[in-house]
Amino acid sequence: MKSNLGSFNFHWLIAPGAPNATPVDESLTVHRMDYQLPTELGRAWLELLELNNGLKLYRAVHHLEKAPFGEMVPMLEVSSSEPEPIFSAQTWLSGMGCHLEYWQNRSQPPVELWGRPGLDTFRFRTHWDARILIAGAGMTEMRSVTVSQSLLQTLLGDSFEAVLLGRLCLNEATQAVTRQMPQHLNAPLLEAMSDQYTGPARRLFAQTKTLEYLGLLVDFLHAKKMIPHQGRHTQKIRELKEFLLSLDGRLPALNSLATDFGLSAKQLNIEFKAEFGQSIFDYVTSNRLEQAHAALLESPTPMKVLSERLGYSHVNHFITAFKRKFGYSPGSLRRNPKMKEQ
């Protein structure tokens, strides 16, 4: 079938007994850890979405209304060691926290890093040894992302990675810094842990939002936006479009696309949008909704099955996305196929 996106095959979507395009994968579900706090202080938990490619997303929530005002409540001790440097960005939606970080060893005084809304923390380190404290008498919520150096280079490219680390003054001697940051920059980071997708669709969405956040961060830190000349890799970008149309239900990962096409994910995304008017993720999503539109007209496959095979975690997410694109719901299309002609 052909649409304004190009030719595509939708039969994988309606084939009887076909496996979901987004099989359940425990590595793509959110894992929760509850803190062991005395009940008289409150409750707190940490959620982790680990994407198995050097990317981890965190959400920490602390309800410490019962703790005395002004008291810094110890949450946990953290000690980790990674095979390569890890970049992390941490932003606070509410409340206040303090990380006591030991850059050398515990025989030396710790570095105090305070965080609150508008004051974000950035790290670039291999080893992390820290004690985390949270302010009492309220609710604190934090979001963060960690990206391995190799994935950071794949997503941004060497030059953008250098700008990011250089402008933040992160190096072996300075493993972490706090910076005043405008809150709007963090919007993609807050969206990245959305539960509207499952499986590979969730991975692609999380990678896309992380890339969007990193791009905004680089642009903000750099006085002049380092946007490369558009159309420099036109042939590669057109080949990428044909590849995306040929996936038949499978979903790419941004790091895999960057490796396969020899450009950073940021470069691919910029040039793809310049050529076709949509980001890679938006194009893939739009294409799959076109496939769903055709499937609804050609088969009685239940909407719940279609939504699962497309990677939506709930049929309502599919209905919302479909209606946003076409202006009418999938149910109304089935009841009145002539709507297609309107």
C-alpha atoms as a PDB file:
ATOM      1  CA  MET A   1       0.000   0.000   0.000  1.00  0.00           C
ATOM      2  CA  LYS A   2       1.169   3.533  -0.701  1.00  0.00           C
ATOM      3  CA  SER A   3       0.595   6.662   1.387  1.00  0.00           C
ATOM      4  CA  ASN A   4       2.172  10.078   1.642  1.00  0.00           C
ATOM      5  CA  LEU A   5       4.887   8.347   3.667  1.00  0.00           C
ATOM      6  CA  GLY A   6       5.776   5.918   0.906  1.00  0.00           C
ATOM      7  CA  SER A   7       4.954   2.277   0.166  1.00  0.00           C
ATOM      8  CA  PHE A   8       4.515  -0.105   3.061  1.00  0.00           C
ATOM      9  CA  ASN A   9       3.288  -3.576   3.960  1.00  0.00           C
ATOM     10  CA  PHE A  10       0.727  -3.844   6.768  1.00  0.00           C
ATOM     11  CA  HIS A  11       0.011  -7.594   6.633  1.00  0.00           C
ATOM     12  CA  TRP A  12       2.387  -8.331   9.527  1.00  0.00           C
ATOM     13  CA  LEU A  13      -0.082  -6.354  11.636  1.00  0.00           C
ATOM     14  CA  ILE A  14      -3.120  -8.537  10.889  1.00  0.00           C
ATOM     15  CA  ALA A  15      -1.577 -11.987  10.284  1.00  0.00           C
ATOM     16  CA  PRO A  16      -3.399 -14.583  12.462  1.00  0.00           C
ATOM     17  CA  GLY A  17      -1.260 -15.719  15.363  1.00  0.00           C
ATOM     18  CA  ALA A  18       1.572 -13.339  14.497  1.00  0.00           C
ATOM     19  CA  PRO A  19       3.723 -12.477  17.506  1.00  0.00           C
ATOM     20  CA  ASN A  20       3.629  -8.947  18.819  1.00  0.00           C
ATOM     21  CA  ALA A  21       6.177  -6.633  17.276  1.00  0.00           C
ATOM     22  CA  THR A  22       7.019  -5.605  20.824  1.00  0.00           C
ATOM     23  CA  PRO A  23       7.400  -8.772  22.908  1.00  0.00           C
ATOM     24  CA  VAL A  24       7.510  -8.472  26.672  1.00  0.00           C
ATOM     25  CA  ASP A  25      11.074  -7.842  27.772  1.00  0.00           C
ATOM     26  CA  GLU A  26      11.862  -7.425  31.452  1.00  0.00           C
ATOM     27  CA  SER A  27      14.755  -5.134  30.575  1.00  0.00           C
ATOM     28  CA  LEU A  28      12.226  -2.671  29.118  1.00  0.00           C
ATOM     29  CA  THR A  29       9.965  -2.467  32.155  1.00  0.00           C
ATOM     30  CA  VAL A  30      10.322  -0.103  35.078  1.00  0.00           C
ATOM     31  CA  HIS A  31      11.816  -1.687  38.190  1.00  0.00           C
ATOM     32  CA  ARG A  32      10.974  -0.185  41.575  1.00  0.00           C
ATOM     33  CA  MET A  33      13.003  -0.204  44.776  1.00  0.00           C
ATOM     34  CA  ASP A  34      11.421   0.986  48.010  1.00  0.00           C
ATOM     35  CA  TYR A  35      13.717   2.638  50.546  1.00  0.00           C
ATOM     36  CA  GLN A  36      13.794   1.135  54.026  1.00  0.00           C
ATOM     37  CA  LEU A  37      12.756   4.202  56.021  1.00  0.00           C
ATOM     38  CA  PRO A  38      11.292   4.421  59.528  1.00  0.00           C
ATOM     39  CA  THR A  39       7.549   5.022  59.215  1.00  0.00           C
ATOM     40  CA  GLU A  40       7.841   8.122  61.391  1.00  0.00           C
ATOM     41  CA  LEU A  41       9.944   9.769  58.643  1.00  0.00           C
ATOM     42  CA  GLY A  42       7.839   8.892  55.608  1.00  0.00           C
ATOM     43  CA  ARG A  43       8.301   6.749  52.502  1.00  0.00           C
ATOM     44  CA  ALA A  44      10.412   6.876  49.362  1.00  0.00           C
ATOM     45  CA  TRP A  45      11.149   4.809  46.279  1.00  0.00           C
ATOM     46  CA  LEU A  46      13.345   4.693  43.182  1.00  0.00           C
ATOM     47  CA  GLU A  47      12.218   3.602  39.697  1.00  0.00           C
ATOM     48  CA  LEU A  48      14.678   2.435  37.048  1.00  0.00           C
ATOM     49  CA  LEU A  49      14.221   1.909  33.316  1.00  0.00           C
ATOM     50  CA  GLU A  50      17.365   0.177  32.030  1.00  0.00           C
ATOM     51  CA  LEU A  51      17.600  -0.076  28.255  1.00  0.00           C
ATOM     52  CA  ASN A  52      20.540  -2.485  27.889  1.00  0.00           C
ATOM     53  CA  ASN A  53      22.524  -0.207  25.607  1.00  0.00           C
ATOM     54  CA  GLY A  54      24.305   2.084  28.048  1.00  0.00           C
ATOM     55  CA  LEU A  55      21.187   4.141  28.818  1.00  0.00           C
ATOM     56  CA  LYS A  56      19.375   4.217  32.167  1.00  0.00           C
ATOM     57  CA  LEU A  57      16.519   6.444  33.317  1.00  0.00           C
ATOM     58  CA  TYR A  58      15.639   7.076  36.952  1.00  0.00           C
ATOM     59  CA  ARG A  59      12.761   8.588  38.896  1.00  0.00           C
ATOM     60  CA  ALA A  60      13.087   9.038  42.658  1.00  0.00           C
ATOM     61  CA  VAL A  61      10.186  10.141  44.865  1.00  0.00           C
ATOM     62  CA  HIS A  62      10.485  10.969  48.570  1.00  0.00           C
ATOM     63  CA  HIS A  63       7.444  11.651  50.760  1.00  0.00           C
ATOM     64  CA  LEU A  64       9.052  12.990  53.924  1.00  0.00           C
ATOM     65  CA  GLU A  65       6.234  15.181  55.229  1.00  0.00           C
ATOM     66  CA  LYS A  66       6.613  13.552  58.654  1.00  0.00           C
ATOM     67  CA  ALA A  67      10.302  14.434  58.943  1.00  0.00           C
ATOM     68  CA  PRO A  68      11.197  17.663  60.819  1.00  0.00           C
ATOM     69  CA  PHE A  69      11.493  20.810  58.703  1.00  0.00           C
ATOM     70  CA  GLY A  70      15.121  21.536  57.790  1.00  0.00           C
ATOM     71  CA  GLU A  71      16.333  18.016  58.563  1.00  0.00           C
ATOM     72  CA  MET A  72      18.378  16.286  55.860  1.00  0.00           C
ATOM     73  CA  VAL A  73      17.280  12.649  55.918  1.00  0.00           C
ATOM     74  CA  PRO A  74      19.846  10.003  54.828  1.00  0.00           C
ATOM     75  CA  MET A  75      18.431   7.938  51.962  1.00  0.00           C
ATOM     76  CA  LEU A  76      21.130   5.532  50.882  1.00  0.00           C
ATOM     77  CA  GLU A  77      24.809   4.921  50.284  1.00  0.00           C
ATOM     78  CA  VAL A  78      25.817   4.449  46.637  1.00  0.00           C
ATOM     79  CA  SER A  79      28.963   2.760  45.387  1.00  0.00           C
ATOM     80  CA  SER A  80      29.481   1.691  41.780  1.00  0.00           C
ATOM     81  CA  SER A  81      32.231   1.127  39.253  1.00  0.00           C
ATOM     82  CA  GLU A  82      31.762   1.068  35.479  1.00  0.00           C
ATOM     83  CA  PRO A  83      34.007  -0.202  32.651  1.00  0.00           C
ATOM     84  CA  GLU A  84      33.829   3.182  30.895  1.00  0.00           C
ATOM     85  CA  PRO A  85      32.979   6.772  31.880  1.00  0.00           C
ATOM     86  CA  ILE A  86      29.288   7.500  32.422  1.00  0.00           C
ATOM     87  CA  PHE A  87      27.634  10.859  31.774  1.00  0.00           C
ATOM     88  CA  SER A  88      24.638  11.660  33.953  1.00  0.00           C
ATOM     89  CA  ALA A  89      22.207  14.554  34.240  1.00  0.00           C
ATOM     90  CA  GLN A  90      19.962  14.993  37.253  1.00  0.00           C
ATOM     91  CA  THR A  91      17.058  17.419  37.600  1.00  0.00           C
ATOM     92  CA  TRP A  92      14.714  18.130  40.499  1.00  0.00           C
ATOM     93  CA  LEU A  93      10.988  18.720  40.085  1.00  0.00           C
ATOM     94  CA  SER A  94      10.391  19.560  43.733  1.00  0.00           C
ATOM     95  CA  GLY A  95      12.137  19.610  47.094  1.00  0.00           C
ATOM     96  CA  MET A  96      15.867  19.578  47.703  1.00  0.00           C
ATOM     97  CA  GLY A  97      18.611  16.997  47.967  1.00  0.00           C
ATOM     98  CA  CYS A  98      22.311  16.778  48.710  1.00  0.00           C
ATOM     99  CA  HIS A  99      24.886  14.295  47.408  1.00  0.00           C
ATOM    100  CA  LEU A 100      28.027  13.881  49.473  1.00  0.00           C
ATOM    101  CA  GLU A 101      30.432  12.518  46.871  1.00  0.00           C
ATOM    102  CA  TYR A 102      33.830  11.024  47.552  1.00  0.00           C
ATOM    103  CA  TRP A 103      35.931  11.595  44.461  1.00  0.00           C
ATOM    104  CA  GLN A 104      39.125  10.159  45.933  1.00  0.00           C
ATOM    105  CA  ASN A 105      38.287   7.981  48.929  1.00  0.00           C
ATOM    106  CA  ARG A 106      36.391   8.223  52.189  1.00  0.00           C
ATOM    107  CA  SER A 107      39.476   9.424  54.035  1.00  0.00           C
ATOM    108  CA  GLN A 108      39.068  12.750  52.205  1.00  0.00           C
ATOM    109  CA  PRO A 109      36.203  15.237  52.823  1.00  0.00           C
ATOM    110  CA  PRO A 110      33.271  14.726  50.428  1.00  0.00           C
ATOM    111  CA  VAL A 111      32.210  17.190  47.744  1.00  0.00           C
ATOM    112  CA  GLU A 112      28.760  18.601  48.531  1.00  0.00           C
ATOM    113  CA  LEU A 113      26.387  18.817  45.567  1.00  0.00           C
ATOM    114  CA  TRP A 114      23.013  20.423  46.298  1.00  0.00           C
ATOM    115  CA  GLY A 115      20.078  20.032  43.948  1.00  0.00           C
ATOM    116  CA  ARG A 116      16.678  21.716  43.717  1.00  0.00           C
ATOM    117  CA  PRO A 117      14.328  22.857  40.925  1.00  0.00           C
ATOM    118  CA  GLY A 118      16.381  24.970  38.519  1.00  0.00           C
ATOM    119  CA  LEU A 119      19.704  23.680  39.859  1.00  0.00           C
ATOM    120  CA  ASP A 120      20.735  20.527  37.963  1.00  0.00           C
ATOM    121  CA  THR A 121      23.663  18.201  38.571  1.00  0.00           C
ATOM    122  CA  PHE A 122      25.899  16.767  35.835  1.00  0.00           C
ATOM    123  CA  ARG A 123      28.492  14.026  36.246  1.00  0.00           C
ATOM    124  CA  PHE A 124      31.121  12.296  34.161  1.00  0.00           C
ATOM    125  CA  ARG A 125      32.753   9.510  36.121  1.00  0.00           C
ATOM    126  CA  THR A 126      33.783   5.868  36.152  1.00  0.00           C
ATOM    127  CA  HIS A 127      33.534   5.323  39.907  1.00  0.00           C
ATOM    128  CA  TRP A 128      30.778   6.715  42.114  1.00  0.00           C
ATOM    129  CA  ASP A 129      30.887   6.711  45.884  1.00  0.00           C
ATOM    130  CA  ALA A 130      28.255   8.905  47.531  1.00  0.00           C
ATOM    131  CA  ARG A 131      25.841   9.427  50.383  1.00  0.00           C
ATOM    132  CA  ILE A 132      22.430  10.831  49.449  1.00  0.00           C
ATOM    133  CA  LEU A 133      20.419  13.106  51.745  1.00  0.00           C
ATOM    134  CA  ILE A 134      16.918  14.506  51.125  1.00  0.00           C
ATOM    135  CA  ALA A 135      15.274  17.502  52.812  1.00  0.00           C
ATOM    136  CA  GLY A 136      12.412  16.639  55.148  1.00  0.00           C
ATOM    137  CA  ALA A 137       8.985  18.212  55.700  1.00  0.00           C
ATOM    138  CA  GLY A 138       7.790  17.805  52.104  1.00  0.00           C
ATOM    139  CA  MET A 139       7.824  15.832  48.873  1.00  0.00           C
ATOM    140  CA  THR A 140      10.887  15.636  46.660  1.00  0.00           C
ATOM    141  CA  GLU A 141      10.949  14.251  43.114  1.00  0.00           C
ATOM    142  CA  MET A 142      14.040  13.775  40.978  1.00  0.00           C
ATOM    143  CA  ARG A 143      14.628  12.529  37.430  1.00  0.00           C
ATOM    144  CA  SER A 144      17.963  11.543  35.953  1.00  0.00           C
ATOM    145  CA  VAL A 145      19.553   9.869  32.962  1.00  0.00           C
ATOM    146  CA  THR A 146      22.880   8.075  32.692  1.00  0.00           C
ATOM    147  CA  VAL A 147      24.549   7.440  29.337  1.00  0.00           C
ATOM    148  CA  SER A 148      27.760   5.533  28.718  1.00  0.00           C
ATOM    149  CA  GLN A 149      30.463   7.480  26.907  1.00  0.00           C
ATOM    150  CA  SER A 150      30.334   5.162  23.896  1.00  0.00           C
ATOM    151  CA  LEU A 151      26.560   5.624  23.539  1.00  0.00           C
ATOM    152  CA  LEU A 152      26.922   9.376  24.103  1.00  0.00           C
ATOM    153  CA  GLN A 153      29.314   9.513  21.140  1.00  0.00           C
ATOM    154  CA  THR A 154      26.930   7.414  19.036  1.00  0.00           C
ATOM    155  CA  LEU A 155      23.969   9.638  19.847  1.00  0.00           C
ATOM    156  CA  LEU A 156      25.703  13.018  19.606  1.00  0.00           C
ATOM    157  CA  GLY A 157      28.930  12.489  17.664  1.00  0.00           C
ATOM    158  CA  ASP A 158      32.417  13.318  18.912  1.00  0.00           C
ATOM    159  CA  SER A 159      32.172  17.090  18.380  1.00  0.00           C
ATOM    160  CA  PHE A 160      28.883  17.490  20.232  1.00  0.00           C
ATOM    161  CA  GLU A 161      30.104  15.250  23.053  1.00  0.00           C
ATOM    162  CA  ALA A 162      33.201  17.434  23.384  1.00  0.00           C
ATOM    163  CA  VAL A 163      31.028  20.567  23.530  1.00  0.00           C
ATOM    164  CA  LEU A 164      28.809  19.022  26.194  1.00  0.00           C
ATOM    165  CA  LEU A 165      31.629  17.915  28.486  1.00  0.00           C
ATOM    166  CA  GLY A 166      33.773  20.974  27.784  1.00  0.00           C
ATOM    167  CA  ARG A 167      31.069  23.546  28.514  1.00  0.00           C
ATOM    168  CA  LEU A 168      30.138  21.739  31.718  1.00  0.00           C
ATOM    169  CA  CYS A 169      33.857  21.562  32.665  1.00  0.00           C
ATOM    170  CA  LEU A 170      33.565  17.850  33.371  1.00  0.00           C
ATOM    171  CA  ASN A 171      36.826  15.900  33.387  1.00  0.00           C
ATOM    172  CA  GLU A 172      38.838  13.496  35.506  1.00  0.00           C
ATOM    173  CA  ALA A 173      39.550  16.194  38.089  1.00  0.00           C
ATOM    174  CA  THR A 174      36.006  17.617  38.167  1.00  0.00           C
ATOM    175  CA  GLN A 175      33.648  14.661  38.180  1.00  0.00           C
ATOM    176  CA  ALA A 176      30.448  16.574  38.921  1.00  0.00           C
ATOM    177  CA  VAL A 177      29.067  20.112  38.707  1.00  0.00           C
ATOM    178  CA  THR A 178      25.798  21.894  39.452  1.00  0.00           C
ATOM    179  CA  ARG A 179      24.394  24.435  37.030  1.00  0.00           C
ATOM    180  CA  GLN A 180      21.419  26.774  36.948  1.00  0.00           C
ATOM    181  CA  MET A 181      19.303  25.470  34.061  1.00  0.00           C
ATOM    182  CA  PRO A 182      15.981  26.614  32.549  1.00  0.00           C
ATOM    183  CA  GLN A 183      13.251  24.144  33.398  1.00  0.00           C
ATOM    184  CA  HIS A 184      11.940  23.847  29.820  1.00  0.00           C
ATOM    185  CA  LEU A 185      15.136  22.069  28.778  1.00  0.00           C
ATOM    186  CA  ASN A 186      14.194  19.132  30.971  1.00  0.00           C
ATOM    187  CA  ALA A 187      10.789  18.453  29.396  1.00  0.00           C
ATOM    188  CA  PRO A 188      12.019  15.569  27.155  1.00  0.00           C
ATOM    189  CA  LEU A 189      13.812  13.999  30.129  1.00  0.00           C
ATOM    190  CA  LEU A 190      10.581  14.049  32.125  1.00  0.00           C
ATOM    191  CA  GLU A 191       8.725  12.366  29.241  1.00  0.00           C
ATOM    192  CA  ALA A 192      11.334   9.675  28.620  1.00  0.00           C
ATOM    193  CA  MET A 193       9.962   7.246  31.240  1.00  0.00           C
ATOM    194  CA  SER A 194       6.423   7.391  29.836  1.00  0.00           C
ATOM    195  CA  ASP A 195       4.531   4.106  30.077  1.00  0.00           C
ATOM    196  CA  GLN A 196       2.501   4.591  26.879  1.00  0.00           C
ATOM    197  CA  TYR A 197       4.777   2.160  24.983  1.00  0.00           C
ATOM    198  CA  THR A 198       6.182  -1.311  25.675  1.00  0.00           C
ATOM    199  CA  GLY A 199       9.097  -3.380  24.379  1.00  0.00           C
ATOM    200  CA  PRO A 200      11.236  -1.994  21.518  1.00  0.00           C
ATOM    201  CA  ALA A 201       8.742   0.860  21.064  1.00  0.00           C
ATOM    202  CA  ARG A 202       9.550   1.953  24.589  1.00  0.00           C
ATOM    203  CA  ARG A 203      13.273   1.758  23.884  1.00  0.00           C
ATOM    204  CA  LEU A 204      12.956   3.865  20.726  1.00  0.00           C
ATOM    205  CA  PHE A 205      10.797   6.459  22.520  1.00  0.00           C
ATOM    206  CA  ALA A 206      13.168   6.666  25.509  1.00  0.00           C
ATOM    207  CA  GLN A 207      16.224   6.983  23.257  1.00  0.00           C
ATOM    208  CA  THR A 208      14.480   9.655  21.184  1.00  0.00           C
ATOM    209  CA  LYS A 209      13.544  11.725  24.237  1.00  0.00           C
ATOM    210  CA  THR A 210      17.048  11.341  25.671  1.00  0.00           C
ATOM    211  CA  LEU A 211      18.560  12.483  22.366  1.00  0.00           C
ATOM    212  CA  GLU A 212      16.149  15.433  22.282  1.00  0.00           C
ATOM    213  CA  TYR A 213      17.172  16.407  25.805  1.00  0.00           C
ATOM    214  CA  LEU A 214      20.898  16.085  25.083  1.00  0.00           C
ATOM    215  CA  GLY A 215      20.491  18.154  21.910  1.00  0.00           C
ATOM    216  CA  LEU A 216      18.705  20.934  23.803  1.00  0.00           C
ATOM    217  CA  LEU A 217      21.369  20.816  26.480  1.00  0.00           C
ATOM    218  CA  VAL A 218      24.216  21.105  23.961  1.00  0.00           C
ATOM    219  CA  ASP A 219      22.487  23.986  22.164  1.00  0.00           C
ATOM    220  CA  PHE A 220      21.927  25.802  25.446  1.00  0.00           C
ATOM    221  CA  LEU A 221      25.530  25.367  26.555  1.00  0.00           C
ATOM    222  CA  HIS A 222      26.945  26.450  23.211  1.00  0.00           C
ATOM    223  CA  ALA A 223      26.732  30.130  22.310  1.00  0.00           C
ATOM    224  CA  LYS A 224      26.060  29.230  18.673  1.00  0.00           C
ATOM    225  CA  LYS A 225      24.052  26.193  17.676  1.00  0.00           C
ATOM    226  CA  MET A 226      26.350  23.751  15.941  1.00  0.00           C
ATOM    227  CA  ILE A 227      23.810  22.688  13.320  1.00  0.00           C
ATOM    228  CA  PRO A 228      25.589  20.930  10.466  1.00  0.00           C
ATOM    229  CA  HIS A 229      24.929  21.847   6.876  1.00  0.00           C
ATOM    230  CA  GLN A 230      21.614  20.315   5.825  1.00  0.00           C
ATOM    231  CA  GLY A 231      21.456  17.820   2.988  1.00  0.00           C
ATOM    232  CA  ARG A 232      25.100  16.863   3.200  1.00  0.00           C
ATOM    233  CA  HIS A 233      24.195  13.165   3.365  1.00  0.00           C
ATOM    234  CA  THR A 234      21.066  13.181   1.213  1.00  0.00           C
ATOM    235  CA  GLN A 235      21.603   9.708  -0.236  1.00  0.00           C
ATOM    236  CA  LYS A 236      22.094   8.143   3.191  1.00  0.00           C
ATOM    237  CA  ILE A 237      18.980   9.866   4.513  1.00  0.00           C
ATOM    238  CA  ARG A 238      16.888   8.585   1.607  1.00  0.00           C
ATOM    239  CA  GLU A 239      18.267   5.086   2.167  1.00  0.00           C
ATOM    240  CA  LEU A 240      17.325   5.435   5.836  1.00  0.00           C
ATOM    241  CA  LYS A 241      13.745   6.256   4.868  1.00  0.00           C
ATOM    242  CA  GLU A 242      13.521   3.150   2.667  1.00  0.00           C
ATOM    243  CA  PHE A 243      14.989   1.063   5.481  1.00  0.00           C
ATOM    244  CA  LEU A 244      12.380   2.352   7.948  1.00  0.00           C
ATOM    245  CA  LEU A 245       9.605   1.491   5.498  1.00  0.00           C
ATOM    246  CA  SER A 246      10.935  -2.055   5.089  1.00  0.00           C
ATOM    247  CA  LEU A 247      10.903  -2.994   8.787  1.00  0.00           C
ATOM    248  CA  ASP A 248       7.420  -4.615   8.721  1.00  0.00           C
ATOM    249  CA  GLY A 249       6.756  -4.397  12.420  1.00  0.00           C
ATOM    250  CA  ARG A 250      10.306  -4.450  13.696  1.00  0.00           C
ATOM    251  CA  LEU A 251      11.552  -1.312  15.386  1.00  0.00           C
ATOM    252  CA  PRO A 252      15.045   0.178  15.197  1.00  0.00           C
ATOM    253  CA  ALA A 253      17.161   1.519  18.023  1.00  0.00           C
ATOM    254  CA  LEU A 254      18.724   4.928  17.414  1.00  0.00           C
ATOM    255  CA  ASN A 255      22.200   3.688  18.293  1.00  0.00           C
ATOM    256  CA  SER A 256      21.843   0.853  15.759  1.00  0.00           C
ATOM    257  CA  LEU A 257      20.722   3.288  13.043  1.00  0.00           C
ATOM    258  CA  ALA A 258      23.675   5.532  13.809  1.00  0.00           C
ATOM    259  CA  THR A 259      26.089   2.613  13.523  1.00  0.00           C
ATOM    260  CA  ASP A 260      24.505   1.215  10.351  1.00  0.00           C
ATOM    261  CA  PHE A 261      24.404   4.564   8.529  1.00  0.00           C
ATOM    262  CA  GLY A 262      27.728   5.897   9.766  1.00  0.00           C
ATOM    263  CA  LEU A 263      26.397   9.121  11.351  1.00  0.00           C
ATOM    264  CA  SER A 264      25.519  10.103  14.900  1.00  0.00           C
ATOM    265  CA  ALA A 265      21.872   9.761  15.872  1.00  0.00           C
ATOM    266  CA  LYS A 266      21.696  13.541  16.275  1.00  0.00           C
ATOM    267  CA  GLN A 267      23.063  14.087  12.750  1.00  0.00           C
ATOM    268  CA  LEU A 268      20.676  11.495  11.306  1.00  0.00           C
ATOM    269  CA  ASN A 269      17.728  13.091  13.054  1.00  0.00           C
ATOM    270  CA  ILE A 270      18.609  16.643  11.953  1.00  0.00           C
ATOM    271  CA  GLU A 271      19.097  15.704   8.309  1.00  0.00           C
ATOM    272  CA  PHE A 272      16.098  13.337   8.240  1.00  0.00           C
ATOM    273  CA  LYS A 273      13.829  16.107   9.531  1.00  0.00           C
ATOM    274  CA  ALA A 274      15.280  18.575   7.026  1.00  0.00           C
ATOM    275  CA  GLU A 275      14.613  16.135   4.173  1.00  0.00           C
ATOM    276  CA  PHE A 276      11.194  14.771   5.176  1.00  0.00           C
ATOM    277  CA  GLY A 277       9.786  17.243   7.706  1.00  0.00           C
ATOM    278  CA  GLN A 278       9.626  14.765  10.607  1.00  0.00           C
ATOM    279  CA  SER A 279      12.025  13.331  13.139  1.00  0.00           C
ATOM    280  CA  ILE A 280      12.877   9.634  12.795  1.00  0.00           C
ATOM    281  CA  PHE A 281      10.615   8.698  15.707  1.00  0.00           C
ATOM    282  CA  ASP A 282       7.692  10.781  14.421  1.00  0.00           C
ATOM    283  CA  TYR A 283       8.116   9.274  10.957  1.00  0.00           C
ATOM    284  CA  VAL A 284       8.148   5.702  12.292  1.00  0.00           C
ATOM    285  CA  THR A 285       5.115   6.388  14.492  1.00  0.00           C
ATOM    286  CA  SER A 286       3.212   8.032  11.649  1.00  0.00           C
ATOM    287  CA  ASN A 287       4.046   5.148   9.320  1.00  0.00           C
ATOM    288  CA  ARG A 288       2.802   2.565  11.818  1.00  0.00           C
ATOM    289  CA  LEU A 289      -0.442   4.480  12.324  1.00  0.00           C
ATOM    290  CA  GLU A 290      -0.913   4.478   8.537  1.00  0.00           C
ATOM    291  CA  GLN A 291      -0.457   0.724   8.650  1.00  0.00           C
ATOM    292  CA  ALA A 292      -3.031   0.483  11.429  1.00  0.00           C
ATOM    293  CA  HIS A 293      -5.442   2.608   9.351  1.00  0.00           C
ATOM    294  CA  ALA A 294      -5.124   0.162   6.446  1.00  0.00           C
ATOM    295  CA  ALA A 295      -5.458  -2.829   8.776  1.00  0.00           C
ATOM    296  CA  LEU A 296      -8.672  -1.460  10.272  1.00  0.00           C
ATOM    297  CA  LEU A 297     -10.199  -1.197   6.793  1.00  0.00           C
ATOM    298  CA  GLU A 298      -8.975  -4.561   5.535  1.00  0.00           C
ATOM    299  CA  SER A 299      -9.446  -6.895   8.503  1.00  0.00           C
ATOM    300  CA  PRO A 300     -11.527  -7.514  11.654  1.00  0.00           C
ATOM    301  CA  THR A 301      -8.395  -7.744  13.821  1.00  0.00           C
ATOM    302  CA  PRO A 302      -9.349  -6.389  17.267  1.00  0.00           C
ATOM    303  CA  MET A 303      -8.000  -2.955  18.146  1.00  0.00           C
ATOM    304  CA  LYS A 304      -6.453  -4.367  21.316  1.00  0.00           C
ATOM    305  CA  VAL A 305      -4.373  -6.769  19.201  1.00  0.00           C
ATOM    306  CA  LEU A 306      -3.359  -3.998  16.800  1.00  0.00           C
ATOM    307  CA  SER A 307      -2.321  -1.717  19.653  1.00  0.00           C
ATOM    308  CA  GLU A 308      -0.223  -4.477  21.266  1.00  0.00           C
ATOM    309  CA  ARG A 309       1.526  -5.309  17.987  1.00  0.00           C
ATOM    310  CA  LEU A 310       2.249  -1.623  17.424  1.00  0.00           C
ATOM    311  CA  GLY A 311       3.855  -1.367  20.853  1.00  0.00           C
ATOM    312  CA  TYR A 312       1.263   0.643  22.786  1.00  0.00           C
ATOM    313  CA  SER A 313       0.942  -0.373  26.424  1.00  0.00           C
ATOM    314  CA  HIS A 314      -2.826   0.199  26.398  1.00  0.00           C
ATOM    315  CA  VAL A 315      -5.397   0.396  23.640  1.00  0.00           C
ATOM    316  CA  ASN A 316      -6.388   3.885  24.850  1.00  0.00           C
ATOM    317  CA  HIS A 317      -2.890   5.167  23.977  1.00  0.00           C
ATOM    318  CA  PHE A 318      -3.344   3.776  20.464  1.00  0.00           C
ATOM    319  CA  ILE A 319      -6.793   5.366  20.100  1.00  0.00           C
ATOM    320  CA  THR A 320      -5.466   8.753  21.259  1.00  0.00           C
ATOM    321  CA  ALA A 321      -2.510   8.651  18.844  1.00  0.00           C
ATOM    322  CA  PHE A 322      -4.744   7.516  15.955  1.00  0.00           C
ATOM    323  CA  LYS A 323      -7.275  10.283  16.561  1.00  0.00           C
ATOM    324  CA  ARG A 324      -4.527  12.901  16.846  1.00  0.00           C
ATOM    325  CA  LYS A 325      -3.182  11.895  13.435  1.00  0.00           C
ATOM    326  CA  PHE A 326      -6.374  11.338  11.439  1.00  0.00           C
ATOM    327  CA  GLY A 327      -8.915  13.470  13.259  1.00  0.00           C
ATOM    328  CA  TYR A 328     -11.246  10.541  13.993  1.00  0.00           C
ATOM    329  CA  SER A 329     -11.089   7.429  16.151  1.00  0.00           C
ATOM    330  CA  PRO A 330     -10.251   3.929  14.838  1.00  0.00           C
ATOM    331  CA  GLY A 331     -13.682   2.738  16.009  1.00  0.00           C
ATOM    332  CA  SER A 332     -15.488   5.366  13.949  1.00  0.00           C
ATOM    333  CA  LEU A 333     -13.380   4.427  10.899  1.00  0.00           C
ATOM    334  CA  ARG A 334     -14.487   0.816  11.209  1.00  0.00           C
ATOM    335  CA  ARG A 335     -18.127   1.796  11.614  1.00  0.00           C
ATOM    336  CA  ASN A 336     -17.947   4.167   8.627  1.00  0.00           C
ATOM    337  CA  PRO A 337     -15.128   3.257   6.175  1.00  0.00           C
ATOM    338  CA  LYS A 338     -16.187   6.149   3.921  1.00  0.00           C
ATOM    339  CA  MET A 339     -14.563   8.465   6.466  1.00  0.00           C
ATOM    340  CA  LYS A 340     -11.330   7.621   4.684  1.00  0.00           C
ATOM    341  CA  GLU A 341     -12.549   9.647   1.704  1.00  0.00           C
ATOM    342  CA  GLN A 342     -13.489  12.710   3.730  1.00  0.00           C
END
